[in-house]
Amino acid sequence: MINEKSETGKLYTCQRTNKEIPLSQPSCVDPKAYCKWRTACPINMLEKESRREG
């Protein structure tokens, strides 16, 4: 789920932890923990893409 807040930009709510994560700096809250949504997680996909570019 993507939320938009004027002062912080777009945020994604993690399905596992319910924490809001900024899409400008995508990063999994706990990448070593099991997550049944990881294969379809936009944060995980954006994080992988940014690692490939950088």
Protein backbone atom coordinates (compact mmCIF):
# COMPACT_ATOMS: atom_id res chain seq x y z
CA MET A 1 0.00 0.00 0.00
CA ILE A 2 1.40 3.39 -1.01
CA ASN A 3 0.66 6.53 0.99
CA GLU A 4 1.54 10.07 0.02
CA LYS A 5 2.52 12.67 2.58
CA SER A 6 3.49 16.14 1.44
CA GLU A 7 6.50 16.59 3.74
CA THR A 8 8.06 13.14 3.38
CA GLY A 9 7.11 12.05 -0.12
CA LYS A 10 5.66 8.65 -0.98
CA LEU A 11 5.66 5.95 1.66
CA TYR A 12 5.04 2.22 1.39
CA THR A 13 3.51 0.33 4.30
CA CYS A 14 5.32 -2.95 4.86
CA GLN A 15 2.84 -5.84 4.88
CA ARG A 16 4.81 -7.80 7.47
CA THR A 17 5.71 -5.07 9.98
CA ASN A 18 3.13 -2.36 9.13
CA LYS A 19 5.94 0.23 9.22
CA GLU A 20 6.04 3.02 6.65
CA ILE A 21 9.10 2.98 4.39
CA PRO A 22 10.02 5.91 2.09
CA LEU A 23 10.09 4.90 -1.57
CA SER A 24 12.98 7.31 -2.15
CA GLN A 25 15.17 5.02 0.02
CA PRO A 26 13.69 1.53 -0.21
CA SER A 27 15.04 -0.85 2.38
CA CYS A 28 13.64 -3.96 4.00
CA VAL A 29 13.08 -3.52 7.74
CA ASP A 30 14.49 -6.96 8.56
CA PRO A 31 15.88 -8.64 5.43
CA LYS A 32 17.02 -11.80 7.28
CA ALA A 33 13.61 -12.54 8.81
CA TYR A 34 11.14 -14.75 6.98
CA CYS A 35 8.54 -12.80 4.97
CA LYS A 36 5.83 -14.56 2.99
CA TRP A 37 5.28 -11.41 0.89
CA ARG A 38 8.93 -10.90 -0.12
CA THR A 39 8.63 -12.25 -3.68
CA ALA A 40 5.87 -9.73 -4.47
CA CYS A 41 7.11 -6.88 -2.26
CA PRO A 42 7.63 -3.54 -4.05
CA ILE A 43 10.20 -2.49 -1.42
CA ASN A 44 12.25 -5.64 -2.07
CA MET A 45 12.05 -5.10 -5.83
CA LEU A 46 13.05 -1.42 -5.58
CA GLU A 47 15.89 -2.28 -3.21
CA LYS A 48 17.27 -4.87 -5.66
CA GLU A 49 16.96 -2.41 -8.55
CA SER A 50 18.82 0.33 -6.67
CA ARG A 51 21.63 -2.12 -5.78
CA ARG A 52 21.98 -3.07 -9.46
CA GLU A 53 22.20 0.58 -10.51
CA GLY A 54 24.67 1.56 -7.76
